[in-house]
Amino acid sequence: MSKIVIFGTGDIAQLAHYYFTTDSPYEVVAFTVDKAFLTEDSFCGLPVISFEEVTSRYPPTEHSMFVALSYAKLNQIRKQKFEAAIEVGYELCSYISSRATALNGNAFGRNCFILEDNTIQPFAKIGDNVTLWSGNHIGHHSTINDHTFISSHVVVSGGVTIGESCFIGVNSTLRDHVNVGNFCVLGAGTVLLSDAAEYGVYSTPETERSRVPSNRLRNI
């Protein structure tokens, strides 16, 4: 089995450990974080070492790395660590769930995190360092560019282009052939019917509480 080191010790790192361990040809052997954030010497029963020392303990000639971080600061922290790992010589591996339906000819970049129940249609392209949380539809001939994070139950229709470092919230719907610029944020439940210029923020109003309390409802 190929050996990997996971960057991070948060919830996503714990999930990455679970998925790689139970559903991949990789063996997780350690975790790493920047020395300034090193607060524990073990995580998930494995050693945690500083990133500054990782190449001497787990050399990149014998190990790969996976950066398991969230969309914080519009994915820029994950991007920085992705680039730092490459700079010191690591190959970045991806996790593609065996329970995902990937029909795109394995057109995935490095350090992708593709969870269960994603449907990725033919001719779709997924760039580097992209996260697809569970249950999304990625339509044919669509392109998701580097360092983007897509939450759950998002519908990306055919021929859509999503730029770099975007965040797409749960239950969003993108109409066919729309273009989403770099660094866009689409909040939960967004319906996008036309192009979104870069740095755009799109959100829908929260559902308001009814004036009638639940104990006065007669049909439930």
N, C-alpha and C. Protein backbone atom coordinates (compact mmCIF):
# COMPACT_ATOMS: atom_id res chain seq x y z
N MET A 1 0.84 -1.20 0.00
CA MET A 1 0.00 0.00 0.00
C MET A 1 0.88 1.25 0.00
N SER A 2 0.48 2.25 -0.75
CA SER A 2 1.18 3.52 -0.76
C SER A 2 0.95 4.23 0.57
N LYS A 3 2.00 4.84 1.10
CA LYS A 3 1.92 5.50 2.40
C LYS A 3 1.72 6.99 2.23
N ILE A 4 0.83 7.55 3.06
CA ILE A 4 0.57 8.99 2.99
C ILE A 4 0.62 9.63 4.37
N VAL A 5 0.95 10.91 4.35
CA VAL A 5 0.87 11.76 5.53
C VAL A 5 -0.25 12.76 5.29
N ILE A 6 -1.11 12.95 6.27
CA ILE A 6 -2.23 13.89 6.15
C ILE A 6 -1.85 15.20 6.83
N PHE A 7 -2.02 16.31 6.12
CA PHE A 7 -1.82 17.63 6.72
C PHE A 7 -3.13 18.05 7.39
N GLY A 8 -3.06 18.30 8.71
CA GLY A 8 -4.22 18.73 9.47
C GLY A 8 -4.53 17.77 10.60
N THR A 9 -5.22 18.29 11.63
CA THR A 9 -5.66 17.46 12.74
C THR A 9 -7.07 17.86 13.18
N GLY A 10 -7.84 18.41 12.27
CA GLY A 10 -9.22 18.80 12.58
C GLY A 10 -10.21 17.75 12.11
N ASP A 11 -11.47 18.15 12.05
CA ASP A 11 -12.53 17.22 11.66
C ASP A 11 -12.32 16.67 10.25
N ILE A 12 -11.89 17.51 9.32
CA ILE A 12 -11.71 17.03 7.95
C ILE A 12 -10.54 16.06 7.88
N ALA A 13 -9.50 16.30 8.67
CA ALA A 13 -8.39 15.35 8.72
C ALA A 13 -8.85 14.00 9.28
N GLN A 14 -9.70 14.04 10.30
CA GLN A 14 -10.24 12.79 10.85
C GLN A 14 -11.07 12.06 9.81
N LEU A 15 -11.88 12.80 9.06
CA LEU A 15 -12.66 12.19 7.98
C LEU A 15 -11.75 11.63 6.89
N ALA A 16 -10.72 12.38 6.53
CA ALA A 16 -9.79 11.90 5.51
C ALA A 16 -9.13 10.60 5.95
N HIS A 17 -8.74 10.53 7.21
CA HIS A 17 -8.16 9.30 7.74
C HIS A 17 -9.14 8.14 7.60
N TYR A 18 -10.39 8.38 7.94
CA TYR A 18 -11.41 7.33 7.83
C TYR A 18 -11.57 6.87 6.38
N TYR A 19 -11.74 7.81 5.46
CA TYR A 19 -11.99 7.44 4.07
C TYR A 19 -10.78 6.75 3.44
N PHE A 20 -9.59 7.29 3.65
CA PHE A 20 -8.40 6.67 3.08
C PHE A 20 -8.17 5.28 3.66
N THR A 21 -8.46 5.12 4.95
CA THR A 21 -8.21 3.84 5.60
C THR A 21 -9.20 2.77 5.18
N THR A 22 -10.45 3.16 4.98
CA THR A 22 -11.50 2.17 4.70
C THR A 22 -11.80 1.99 3.22
N ASP A 23 -11.33 2.92 2.36
CA ASP A 23 -11.80 2.89 0.98
C ASP A 23 -10.74 3.42 0.01
N SER A 24 -9.49 2.99 0.17
CA SER A 24 -8.46 3.44 -0.75
C SER A 24 -7.27 2.50 -0.67
N PRO A 25 -6.37 2.58 -1.64
CA PRO A 25 -5.16 1.77 -1.59
C PRO A 25 -4.04 2.40 -0.77
N TYR A 26 -4.35 3.47 -0.04
CA TYR A 26 -3.34 4.19 0.72
C TYR A 26 -3.34 3.78 2.20
N GLU A 27 -2.18 3.87 2.81
CA GLU A 27 -2.03 3.66 4.25
C GLU A 27 -1.61 4.99 4.88
N VAL A 28 -2.44 5.52 5.78
CA VAL A 28 -2.09 6.74 6.49
C VAL A 28 -1.10 6.37 7.59
N VAL A 29 0.06 7.05 7.61
CA VAL A 29 1.09 6.70 8.60
C VAL A 29 1.34 7.81 9.61
N ALA A 30 0.90 9.03 9.32
CA ALA A 30 1.15 10.14 10.24
C ALA A 30 0.31 11.34 9.84
N PHE A 31 0.28 12.31 10.74
CA PHE A 31 -0.33 13.62 10.49
C PHE A 31 0.74 14.69 10.68
N THR A 32 0.54 15.83 10.02
CA THR A 32 1.46 16.94 10.18
C THR A 32 0.71 18.26 10.22
N VAL A 33 1.24 19.20 10.96
CA VAL A 33 0.72 20.57 11.02
C VAL A 33 1.91 21.51 11.14
N ASP A 34 1.69 22.79 10.89
CA ASP A 34 2.75 23.76 11.12
C ASP A 34 3.16 23.74 12.59
N LYS A 35 4.44 23.95 12.84
CA LYS A 35 4.97 23.85 14.20
C LYS A 35 4.21 24.76 15.18
N ALA A 36 3.79 25.92 14.72
CA ALA A 36 3.07 26.86 15.59
C ALA A 36 1.74 26.32 16.07
N PHE A 37 1.19 25.31 15.36
CA PHE A 37 -0.11 24.75 15.70
C PHE A 37 0.01 23.32 16.24
N LEU A 38 1.22 22.91 16.57
CA LEU A 38 1.44 21.56 17.08
C LEU A 38 1.12 21.53 18.57
N THR A 39 -0.04 20.95 18.92
CA THR A 39 -0.49 20.92 20.31
C THR A 39 -0.63 19.51 20.86
N GLU A 40 -0.46 18.50 20.03
CA GLU A 40 -0.59 17.12 20.46
C GLU A 40 0.37 16.26 19.66
N ASP A 41 0.79 15.15 20.26
CA ASP A 41 1.77 14.30 19.58
C ASP A 41 1.15 13.08 18.91
N SER A 42 -0.19 12.94 19.02
CA SER A 42 -0.85 11.85 18.32
C SER A 42 -2.26 12.26 17.94
N PHE A 43 -2.77 11.64 16.89
CA PHE A 43 -4.12 11.92 16.40
C PHE A 43 -4.58 10.66 15.66
N CYS A 44 -5.77 10.20 15.97
CA CYS A 44 -6.28 8.96 15.38
C CYS A 44 -5.31 7.79 15.58
N GLY A 45 -4.59 7.83 16.70
CA GLY A 45 -3.67 6.76 17.01
C GLY A 45 -2.36 6.79 16.24
N LEU A 46 -2.11 7.89 15.52
CA LEU A 46 -0.90 8.02 14.72
C LEU A 46 -0.10 9.25 15.15
N PRO A 47 1.20 9.27 14.89
CA PRO A 47 2.01 10.42 15.31
C PRO A 47 1.67 11.70 14.56
N VAL A 48 1.80 12.81 15.27
CA VAL A 48 1.67 14.14 14.67
C VAL A 48 3.02 14.83 14.79
N ILE A 49 3.55 15.30 13.68
CA ILE A 49 4.83 15.98 13.69
C ILE A 49 4.70 17.32 12.98
N SER A 50 5.66 18.17 13.22
CA SER A 50 5.61 19.49 12.59
C SER A 50 5.94 19.39 11.11
N PHE A 51 5.32 20.27 10.34
CA PHE A 51 5.57 20.29 8.90
C PHE A 51 7.03 20.61 8.61
N GLU A 52 7.64 21.38 9.51
CA GLU A 52 9.03 21.75 9.32
C GLU A 52 9.97 20.53 9.40
N GLU A 53 9.52 19.45 10.02
CA GLU A 53 10.34 18.25 10.18
C GLU A 53 9.85 17.06 9.36
N VAL A 54 8.75 17.23 8.64
CA VAL A 54 8.10 16.08 8.03
C VAL A 54 8.94 15.40 6.97
N THR A 55 9.72 16.16 6.22
CA THR A 55 10.50 15.53 5.15
C THR A 55 11.61 14.64 5.68
N SER A 56 12.12 14.93 6.87
CA SER A 56 13.17 14.08 7.45
C SER A 56 12.60 12.81 8.06
N ARG A 57 11.37 12.90 8.59
CA ARG A 57 10.75 11.73 9.23
C ARG A 57 10.01 10.87 8.22
N TYR A 58 9.35 11.51 7.25
CA TYR A 58 8.55 10.81 6.24
C TYR A 58 8.92 11.38 4.88
N PRO A 59 10.05 10.96 4.33
CA PRO A 59 10.56 11.61 3.11
C PRO A 59 9.62 11.47 1.93
N PRO A 60 9.56 12.51 1.10
CA PRO A 60 8.65 12.50 -0.07
C PRO A 60 9.03 11.48 -1.13
N THR A 61 10.22 10.91 -1.05
CA THR A 61 10.57 9.84 -1.97
C THR A 61 9.83 8.55 -1.64
N GLU A 62 9.29 8.45 -0.42
CA GLU A 62 8.62 7.23 0.03
C GLU A 62 7.17 7.46 0.45
N HIS A 63 6.75 8.71 0.52
CA HIS A 63 5.41 9.03 1.01
C HIS A 63 4.75 10.08 0.12
N SER A 64 3.43 10.03 0.05
CA SER A 64 2.63 11.10 -0.54
C SER A 64 2.00 11.91 0.58
N MET A 65 1.30 12.98 0.22
CA MET A 65 0.63 13.80 1.22
C MET A 65 -0.77 14.14 0.74
N PHE A 66 -1.67 14.34 1.70
CA PHE A 66 -3.00 14.84 1.42
C PHE A 66 -3.28 15.98 2.38
N VAL A 67 -3.67 17.13 1.83
CA VAL A 67 -3.97 18.32 2.64
C VAL A 67 -5.45 18.31 2.96
N ALA A 68 -5.76 18.08 4.25
CA ALA A 68 -7.16 17.91 4.69
C ALA A 68 -7.61 19.15 5.45
N LEU A 69 -7.89 20.20 4.71
CA LEU A 69 -8.34 21.46 5.30
C LEU A 69 -9.64 21.89 4.64
N SER A 70 -10.32 22.84 5.28
CA SER A 70 -11.65 23.27 4.83
C SER A 70 -11.53 24.41 3.82
N TYR A 71 -12.62 25.17 3.72
CA TYR A 71 -12.70 26.30 2.79
C TYR A 71 -12.36 27.62 3.47
N ALA A 72 -11.72 27.59 4.63
CA ALA A 72 -11.41 28.82 5.37
C ALA A 72 -10.67 29.82 4.50
N LYS A 73 -11.04 31.09 4.66
CA LYS A 73 -10.47 32.19 3.87
C LYS A 73 -10.57 31.90 2.37
N LEU A 74 -11.75 31.44 1.99
CA LEU A 74 -12.05 31.12 0.59
C LEU A 74 -11.01 30.18 0.00
N ASN A 75 -10.71 29.13 0.76
CA ASN A 75 -9.83 28.04 0.32
C ASN A 75 -8.35 28.42 0.24
N GLN A 76 -8.01 29.63 0.67
CA GLN A 76 -6.62 30.06 0.47
C GLN A 76 -5.65 29.37 1.42
N ILE A 77 -6.09 28.99 2.61
CA ILE A 77 -5.19 28.26 3.51
C ILE A 77 -4.90 26.88 2.94
N ARG A 78 -5.94 26.21 2.44
CA ARG A 78 -5.73 24.90 1.82
C ARG A 78 -4.81 25.02 0.60
N LYS A 79 -5.00 26.08 -0.18
CA LYS A 79 -4.15 26.32 -1.35
C LYS A 79 -2.69 26.52 -0.93
N GLN A 80 -2.46 27.31 0.12
CA GLN A 80 -1.10 27.58 0.57
C GLN A 80 -0.40 26.30 1.01
N LYS A 81 -1.12 25.44 1.74
CA LYS A 81 -0.51 24.20 2.22
C LYS A 81 -0.31 23.21 1.07
N PHE A 82 -1.22 23.20 0.13
CA PHE A 82 -1.07 22.40 -1.09
C PHE A 82 0.23 22.78 -1.80
N GLU A 83 0.45 24.08 -1.97
CA GLU A 83 1.65 24.54 -2.67
C GLU A 83 2.90 24.29 -1.84
N ALA A 84 2.79 24.41 -0.51
CA ALA A 84 3.95 24.16 0.35
C ALA A 84 4.38 22.70 0.30
N ALA A 85 3.41 21.80 0.25
CA ALA A 85 3.73 20.37 0.18
C ALA A 85 4.42 20.03 -1.13
N ILE A 86 3.95 20.63 -2.23
CA ILE A 86 4.59 20.40 -3.53
C ILE A 86 6.01 20.95 -3.53
N GLU A 87 6.18 22.11 -2.90
CA GLU A 87 7.49 22.77 -2.90
C GLU A 87 8.56 21.91 -2.21
N VAL A 88 8.17 21.16 -1.17
CA VAL A 88 9.16 20.33 -0.48
C VAL A 88 9.23 18.92 -1.07
N GLY A 89 8.52 18.68 -2.18
CA GLY A 89 8.73 17.47 -2.93
C GLY A 89 7.68 16.39 -2.85
N TYR A 90 6.55 16.65 -2.18
CA TYR A 90 5.54 15.60 -2.04
C TYR A 90 4.64 15.52 -3.27
N GLU A 91 4.25 14.31 -3.60
CA GLU A 91 3.16 14.08 -4.53
C GLU A 91 1.86 14.19 -3.74
N LEU A 92 0.89 14.93 -4.26
CA LEU A 92 -0.40 15.10 -3.60
C LEU A 92 -1.37 14.08 -4.15
N CYS A 93 -1.91 13.24 -3.28
CA CYS A 93 -2.84 12.19 -3.72
C CYS A 93 -4.28 12.68 -3.55
N SER A 94 -5.18 12.03 -4.25
CA SER A 94 -6.61 12.34 -4.16
C SER A 94 -7.37 11.16 -3.60
N TYR A 95 -8.51 11.46 -2.98
CA TYR A 95 -9.45 10.41 -2.57
C TYR A 95 -10.69 10.52 -3.44
N ILE A 96 -11.02 9.45 -4.15
CA ILE A 96 -12.24 9.36 -4.95
C ILE A 96 -13.05 8.20 -4.40
N SER A 97 -14.19 8.48 -3.80
CA SER A 97 -14.97 7.43 -3.16
C SER A 97 -15.37 6.35 -4.16
N SER A 98 -15.29 5.10 -3.70
CA SER A 98 -15.78 4.00 -4.53
C SER A 98 -17.29 4.06 -4.67
N ARG A 99 -17.95 4.86 -3.87
CA ARG A 99 -19.40 5.02 -3.92
C ARG A 99 -19.81 6.26 -4.71
N ALA A 100 -18.85 6.91 -5.35
CA ALA A 100 -19.15 7.99 -6.29
C ALA A 100 -19.27 7.40 -7.69
N THR A 101 -20.13 8.02 -8.50
CA THR A 101 -20.27 7.60 -9.89
C THR A 101 -19.48 8.57 -10.75
N ALA A 102 -18.26 8.18 -11.06
CA ALA A 102 -17.35 9.06 -11.79
C ALA A 102 -17.20 8.53 -13.21
N LEU A 103 -17.82 9.22 -14.15
CA LEU A 103 -17.83 8.79 -15.56
C LEU A 103 -16.99 9.72 -16.44
N ASN A 104 -16.10 10.47 -15.83
CA ASN A 104 -15.36 11.51 -16.55
C ASN A 104 -13.94 11.08 -16.92
N GLY A 105 -13.72 9.78 -16.98
CA GLY A 105 -12.41 9.31 -17.42
C GLY A 105 -11.28 9.67 -16.48
N ASN A 106 -11.60 9.74 -15.20
CA ASN A 106 -10.60 10.03 -14.16
C ASN A 106 -9.95 11.40 -14.36
N ALA A 107 -10.72 12.37 -14.84
CA ALA A 107 -10.19 13.71 -15.06
C ALA A 107 -10.25 14.51 -13.76
N PHE A 108 -9.43 14.08 -12.80
CA PHE A 108 -9.33 14.73 -11.49
C PHE A 108 -7.91 15.22 -11.30
N GLY A 109 -7.77 16.36 -10.67
CA GLY A 109 -6.45 16.87 -10.34
C GLY A 109 -5.91 16.27 -9.06
N ARG A 110 -4.90 16.90 -8.51
CA ARG A 110 -4.24 16.46 -7.28
C ARG A 110 -4.99 16.97 -6.05
N ASN A 111 -4.90 16.21 -4.97
CA ASN A 111 -5.46 16.59 -3.68
C ASN A 111 -6.97 16.86 -3.75
N CYS A 112 -7.67 16.08 -4.55
CA CYS A 112 -9.13 16.18 -4.57
C CYS A 112 -9.72 15.30 -3.49
N PHE A 113 -10.86 15.70 -2.96
CA PHE A 113 -11.58 14.96 -1.92
C PHE A 113 -13.00 14.79 -2.42
N ILE A 114 -13.29 13.64 -3.03
CA ILE A 114 -14.56 13.39 -3.70
C ILE A 114 -15.30 12.33 -2.89
N LEU A 115 -16.34 12.74 -2.19
CA LEU A 115 -17.01 11.85 -1.25
C LEU A 115 -18.14 11.07 -1.92
N GLU A 116 -18.83 10.29 -1.13
CA GLU A 116 -19.81 9.34 -1.64
C GLU A 116 -21.01 10.03 -2.29
N ASP A 117 -21.63 9.31 -3.23
CA ASP A 117 -22.88 9.72 -3.87
C ASP A 117 -22.75 10.93 -4.78
N ASN A 118 -21.53 11.30 -5.14
CA ASN A 118 -21.36 12.29 -6.20
C ASN A 118 -21.56 11.61 -7.55
N THR A 119 -22.28 12.30 -8.45
CA THR A 119 -22.40 11.85 -9.83
C THR A 119 -21.65 12.84 -10.70
N ILE A 120 -20.61 12.35 -11.37
CA ILE A 120 -19.77 13.20 -12.21
C ILE A 120 -19.89 12.67 -13.63
N GLN A 121 -20.56 13.42 -14.47
CA GLN A 121 -20.91 12.94 -15.79
C GLN A 121 -19.72 12.99 -16.76
N PRO A 122 -19.87 12.32 -17.92
CA PRO A 122 -18.79 12.31 -18.90
C PRO A 122 -18.35 13.71 -19.31
N PHE A 123 -17.04 13.83 -19.53
CA PHE A 123 -16.39 15.03 -20.05
C PHE A 123 -16.34 16.17 -19.03
N ALA A 124 -16.72 15.91 -17.78
CA ALA A 124 -16.52 16.91 -16.72
C ALA A 124 -15.06 16.86 -16.27
N LYS A 125 -14.51 18.01 -15.94
CA LYS A 125 -13.11 18.11 -15.51
C LYS A 125 -13.03 18.76 -14.13
N ILE A 126 -12.27 18.12 -13.26
CA ILE A 126 -12.12 18.59 -11.89
C ILE A 126 -10.66 18.95 -11.68
N GLY A 127 -10.38 20.17 -11.28
CA GLY A 127 -9.00 20.64 -11.13
C GLY A 127 -8.32 20.17 -9.86
N ASP A 128 -7.19 20.80 -9.54
CA ASP A 128 -6.43 20.48 -8.34
C ASP A 128 -7.14 20.98 -7.08
N ASN A 129 -7.00 20.18 -6.00
CA ASN A 129 -7.36 20.65 -4.66
C ASN A 129 -8.83 21.02 -4.55
N VAL A 130 -9.68 20.25 -5.22
CA VAL A 130 -11.12 20.48 -5.22
C VAL A 130 -11.79 19.51 -4.25
N THR A 131 -12.72 20.01 -3.46
CA THR A 131 -13.53 19.18 -2.57
C THR A 131 -14.95 19.12 -3.10
N LEU A 132 -15.45 17.90 -3.27
CA LEU A 132 -16.87 17.68 -3.56
C LEU A 132 -17.44 16.89 -2.39
N TRP A 133 -18.17 17.56 -1.52
CA TRP A 133 -18.78 16.86 -0.40
C TRP A 133 -19.83 15.89 -0.95
N SER A 134 -20.56 15.20 -0.15
CA SER A 134 -21.39 14.10 -0.63
C SER A 134 -22.64 14.58 -1.37
N GLY A 135 -23.06 13.78 -2.36
CA GLY A 135 -24.38 13.92 -2.96
C GLY A 135 -24.55 15.00 -4.01
N ASN A 136 -23.50 15.37 -4.74
CA ASN A 136 -23.62 16.41 -5.76
C ASN A 136 -23.81 15.82 -7.16
N HIS A 137 -24.34 16.64 -8.06
CA HIS A 137 -24.44 16.30 -9.48
C HIS A 137 -23.56 17.28 -10.25
N ILE A 138 -22.55 16.74 -10.93
CA ILE A 138 -21.67 17.57 -11.76
C ILE A 138 -21.94 17.19 -13.21
N GLY A 139 -22.55 18.11 -13.95
CA GLY A 139 -23.03 17.82 -15.29
C GLY A 139 -21.93 17.69 -16.33
N HIS A 140 -22.29 17.07 -17.43
CA HIS A 140 -21.37 16.82 -18.54
C HIS A 140 -20.73 18.11 -19.06
N HIS A 141 -19.48 18.00 -19.47
CA HIS A 141 -18.73 19.10 -20.05
C HIS A 141 -18.58 20.30 -19.12
N SER A 142 -18.76 20.08 -17.83
CA SER A 142 -18.52 21.15 -16.87
C SER A 142 -17.07 21.11 -16.39
N THR A 143 -16.57 22.26 -15.96
CA THR A 143 -15.20 22.37 -15.44
C THR A 143 -15.23 23.04 -14.08
N ILE A 144 -14.62 22.39 -13.11
CA ILE A 144 -14.46 22.97 -11.78
C ILE A 144 -12.98 23.23 -11.59
N ASN A 145 -12.62 24.48 -11.47
CA ASN A 145 -11.21 24.85 -11.42
C ASN A 145 -10.62 24.70 -10.01
N ASP A 146 -9.31 24.93 -9.93
CA ASP A 146 -8.53 24.60 -8.73
C ASP A 146 -9.04 25.27 -7.47
N HIS A 147 -8.87 24.55 -6.34
CA HIS A 147 -9.04 25.08 -4.98
C HIS A 147 -10.49 25.48 -4.66
N THR A 148 -11.43 24.85 -5.31
CA THR A 148 -12.85 25.15 -5.06
C THR A 148 -13.45 24.11 -4.13
N PHE A 149 -14.42 24.54 -3.34
CA PHE A 149 -15.11 23.67 -2.37
C PHE A 149 -16.60 23.68 -2.69
N ILE A 150 -17.15 22.49 -2.98
CA ILE A 150 -18.57 22.36 -3.27
C ILE A 150 -19.21 21.53 -2.17
N SER A 151 -20.21 22.11 -1.52
CA SER A 151 -20.89 21.44 -0.42
C SER A 151 -21.81 20.35 -0.95
N SER A 152 -22.74 19.88 -0.11
CA SER A 152 -23.59 18.75 -0.48
C SER A 152 -24.82 19.16 -1.28
N HIS A 153 -25.28 18.23 -2.12
CA HIS A 153 -26.55 18.34 -2.85
C HIS A 153 -26.61 19.58 -3.73
N VAL A 154 -25.50 19.83 -4.38
CA VAL A 154 -25.40 20.92 -5.35
C VAL A 154 -25.63 20.33 -6.74
N VAL A 155 -26.41 21.05 -7.57
CA VAL A 155 -26.63 20.64 -8.95
C VAL A 155 -25.86 21.60 -9.86
N VAL A 156 -24.84 21.06 -10.51
CA VAL A 156 -24.09 21.81 -11.52
C VAL A 156 -24.53 21.24 -12.87
N SER A 157 -25.25 22.01 -13.64
CA SER A 157 -25.79 21.52 -14.91
C SER A 157 -24.69 21.41 -15.97
N GLY A 158 -25.05 20.97 -17.15
CA GLY A 158 -24.07 20.74 -18.20
C GLY A 158 -23.39 22.00 -18.69
N GLY A 159 -22.11 21.89 -19.01
CA GLY A 159 -21.38 22.99 -19.62
C GLY A 159 -21.11 24.16 -18.72
N VAL A 160 -21.12 23.96 -17.42
CA VAL A 160 -20.86 25.04 -16.45
C VAL A 160 -19.36 25.15 -16.21
N THR A 161 -18.87 26.36 -16.03
CA THR A 161 -17.48 26.58 -15.62
C THR A 161 -17.48 27.29 -14.28
N ILE A 162 -16.82 26.70 -13.29
CA ILE A 162 -16.67 27.29 -11.96
C ILE A 162 -15.21 27.65 -11.79
N GLY A 163 -14.96 28.89 -11.44
CA GLY A 163 -13.60 29.40 -11.35
C GLY A 163 -12.82 28.89 -10.16
N GLU A 164 -11.64 29.45 -9.98
CA GLU A 164 -10.75 29.06 -8.89
C GLU A 164 -11.23 29.61 -7.56
N SER A 165 -11.03 28.82 -6.51
CA SER A 165 -11.21 29.25 -5.13
C SER A 165 -12.63 29.73 -4.84
N CYS A 166 -13.62 29.03 -5.38
CA CYS A 166 -15.01 29.35 -5.09
C CYS A 166 -15.54 28.49 -3.95
N PHE A 167 -16.64 28.93 -3.36
CA PHE A 167 -17.39 28.14 -2.38
C PHE A 167 -18.83 28.08 -2.84
N ILE A 168 -19.36 26.85 -2.98
CA ILE A 168 -20.74 26.66 -3.42
C ILE A 168 -21.49 25.98 -2.28
N GLY A 169 -22.50 26.66 -1.73
CA GLY A 169 -23.21 26.18 -0.55
C GLY A 169 -24.21 25.07 -0.86
N VAL A 170 -24.67 24.42 0.20
CA VAL A 170 -25.57 23.27 0.06
C VAL A 170 -26.84 23.65 -0.69
N ASN A 171 -27.30 22.68 -1.50
CA ASN A 171 -28.56 22.80 -2.23
C ASN A 171 -28.58 23.92 -3.26
N SER A 172 -27.43 24.35 -3.71
CA SER A 172 -27.38 25.35 -4.77
C SER A 172 -27.63 24.69 -6.13
N THR A 173 -28.15 25.49 -7.06
CA THR A 173 -28.42 25.00 -8.42
C THR A 173 -27.82 25.97 -9.42
N LEU A 174 -27.02 25.45 -10.33
CA LEU A 174 -26.40 26.27 -11.37
C LEU A 174 -26.94 25.83 -12.72
N ARG A 175 -27.56 26.75 -13.43
CA ARG A 175 -28.15 26.45 -14.74
C ARG A 175 -27.06 26.10 -15.73
N ASP A 176 -27.44 25.39 -16.80
CA ASP A 176 -26.47 24.98 -17.80
C ASP A 176 -25.77 26.17 -18.46
N HIS A 177 -24.49 25.99 -18.71
CA HIS A 177 -23.64 26.93 -19.45
C HIS A 177 -23.40 28.26 -18.74
N VAL A 178 -23.65 28.35 -17.45
CA VAL A 178 -23.27 29.57 -16.74
C VAL A 178 -21.79 29.50 -16.37
N ASN A 179 -21.20 30.68 -16.23
CA ASN A 179 -19.80 30.79 -15.83
C ASN A 179 -19.73 31.49 -14.47
N VAL A 180 -19.02 30.86 -13.55
CA VAL A 180 -18.84 31.42 -12.21
C VAL A 180 -17.39 31.89 -12.10
N GLY A 181 -17.20 33.18 -11.85
CA GLY A 181 -15.85 33.72 -11.79
C GLY A 181 -15.08 33.25 -10.57
N ASN A 182 -13.79 33.56 -10.56
CA ASN A 182 -12.94 33.19 -9.43
C ASN A 182 -13.42 33.84 -8.13
N PHE A 183 -13.22 33.15 -7.03
CA PHE A 183 -13.47 33.67 -5.68
C PHE A 183 -14.93 34.05 -5.44
N CYS A 184 -15.84 33.32 -6.05
CA CYS A 184 -17.26 33.57 -5.80
C CYS A 184 -17.74 32.73 -4.62
N VAL A 185 -18.74 33.25 -3.93
CA VAL A 185 -19.40 32.54 -2.84
C VAL A 185 -20.88 32.46 -3.16
N LEU A 186 -21.40 31.23 -3.25
CA LEU A 186 -22.83 31.00 -3.43
C LEU A 186 -23.35 30.39 -2.14
N GLY A 187 -24.22 31.12 -1.45
CA GLY A 187 -24.76 30.63 -0.19
C GLY A 187 -25.73 29.48 -0.38
N ALA A 188 -26.13 28.88 0.73
CA ALA A 188 -27.02 27.73 0.69
C ALA A 188 -28.30 28.07 -0.07
N GLY A 189 -28.70 27.16 -0.96
CA GLY A 189 -29.95 27.32 -1.69
C GLY A 189 -29.94 28.31 -2.81
N THR A 190 -28.77 28.78 -3.22
CA THR A 190 -28.69 29.76 -4.31
C THR A 190 -29.12 29.12 -5.64
N VAL A 191 -29.87 29.86 -6.43
CA VAL A 191 -30.21 29.45 -7.79
C VAL A 191 -29.55 30.44 -8.73
N LEU A 192 -28.59 29.95 -9.51
CA LEU A 192 -27.82 30.81 -10.40
C LEU A 192 -28.25 30.55 -11.84
N LEU A 193 -28.87 31.58 -12.47
CA LEU A 193 -29.39 31.43 -13.84
C LEU A 193 -28.57 32.18 -14.87
N SER A 194 -27.58 32.95 -14.42
CA SER A 194 -26.74 33.70 -15.35
C SER A 194 -25.33 33.76 -14.78
N ASP A 195 -24.40 34.29 -15.57
CA ASP A 195 -23.00 34.30 -15.16
C ASP A 195 -22.79 35.09 -13.87
N ALA A 196 -21.79 34.67 -13.11
CA ALA A 196 -21.42 35.35 -11.86
C ALA A 196 -20.01 35.91 -12.01
N ALA A 197 -19.87 37.21 -11.90
CA ALA A 197 -18.55 37.84 -12.01
C ALA A 197 -17.70 37.49 -10.80
N GLU A 198 -16.37 37.50 -10.97
CA GLU A 198 -15.48 37.11 -9.88
C GLU A 198 -15.70 37.98 -8.64
N TYR A 199 -15.44 37.37 -7.49
CA TYR A 199 -15.63 37.96 -6.17
C TYR A 199 -17.11 38.22 -5.84
N GLY A 200 -18.01 37.64 -6.61
CA GLY A 200 -19.43 37.83 -6.32
C GLY A 200 -19.87 37.00 -5.12
N VAL A 201 -20.84 37.54 -4.39
CA VAL A 201 -21.46 36.85 -3.26
C VAL A 201 -22.95 36.78 -3.52
N TYR A 202 -23.50 35.57 -3.50
CA TYR A 202 -24.90 35.34 -3.82
C TYR A 202 -25.52 34.57 -2.65
N SER A 203 -26.64 35.06 -2.15
CA SER A 203 -27.30 34.37 -1.05
C SER A 203 -28.80 34.55 -1.16
N THR A 204 -29.55 33.64 -0.54
CA THR A 204 -31.00 33.71 -0.53
C THR A 204 -31.48 34.03 0.87
N PRO A 205 -32.65 34.66 1.01
CA PRO A 205 -33.15 34.99 2.35
C PRO A 205 -33.44 33.72 3.16
N GLU A 206 -33.21 33.81 4.44
CA GLU A 206 -33.55 32.71 5.33
C GLU A 206 -35.07 32.61 5.46
N THR A 207 -35.59 31.39 5.56
CA THR A 207 -37.02 31.20 5.75
C THR A 207 -37.45 31.79 7.09
N GLU A 208 -38.48 32.61 7.07
CA GLU A 208 -38.93 33.26 8.29
C GLU A 208 -39.85 32.35 9.09
N ARG A 209 -39.87 32.55 10.39
CA ARG A 209 -40.77 31.81 11.26
C ARG A 209 -42.20 32.30 11.06
N SER A 210 -43.10 31.35 10.98
CA SER A 210 -44.51 31.70 10.86
C SER A 210 -45.00 32.36 12.15
N ARG A 211 -46.02 33.19 12.01
CA ARG A 211 -46.63 33.81 13.19
C ARG A 211 -47.46 32.81 13.99
N VAL A 212 -47.83 31.71 13.33
CA VAL A 212 -48.63 30.69 14.01
C VAL A 212 -47.69 29.68 14.67
N PRO A 213 -47.75 29.48 15.98
CA PRO A 213 -46.89 28.51 16.64
C PRO A 213 -47.31 27.09 16.31
N SER A 214 -46.39 26.14 16.46
CA SER A 214 -46.63 24.78 16.06
C SER A 214 -47.77 24.10 16.84
N ASN A 215 -47.97 24.54 18.08
CA ASN A 215 -49.04 23.91 18.87
C ASN A 215 -50.44 24.37 18.48
N ARG A 216 -50.53 25.27 17.50
CA ARG A 216 -51.83 25.70 16.99
C ARG A 216 -52.13 25.17 15.60
N LEU A 217 -51.21 24.37 15.07
CA LEU A 217 -51.44 23.77 13.77
C LEU A 217 -52.42 22.62 13.90
N ARG A 218 -53.42 22.56 13.03
CA ARG A 218 -54.47 21.55 13.16
C ARG A 218 -54.26 20.35 12.27
N ASN A 219 -53.42 20.47 11.26
CA ASN A 219 -53.29 19.39 10.28
C ASN A 219 -52.03 18.55 10.47
N ILE A 220 -51.29 18.79 11.54
CA ILE A 220 -50.08 18.00 11.80
C ILE A 220 -50.20 17.37 13.19
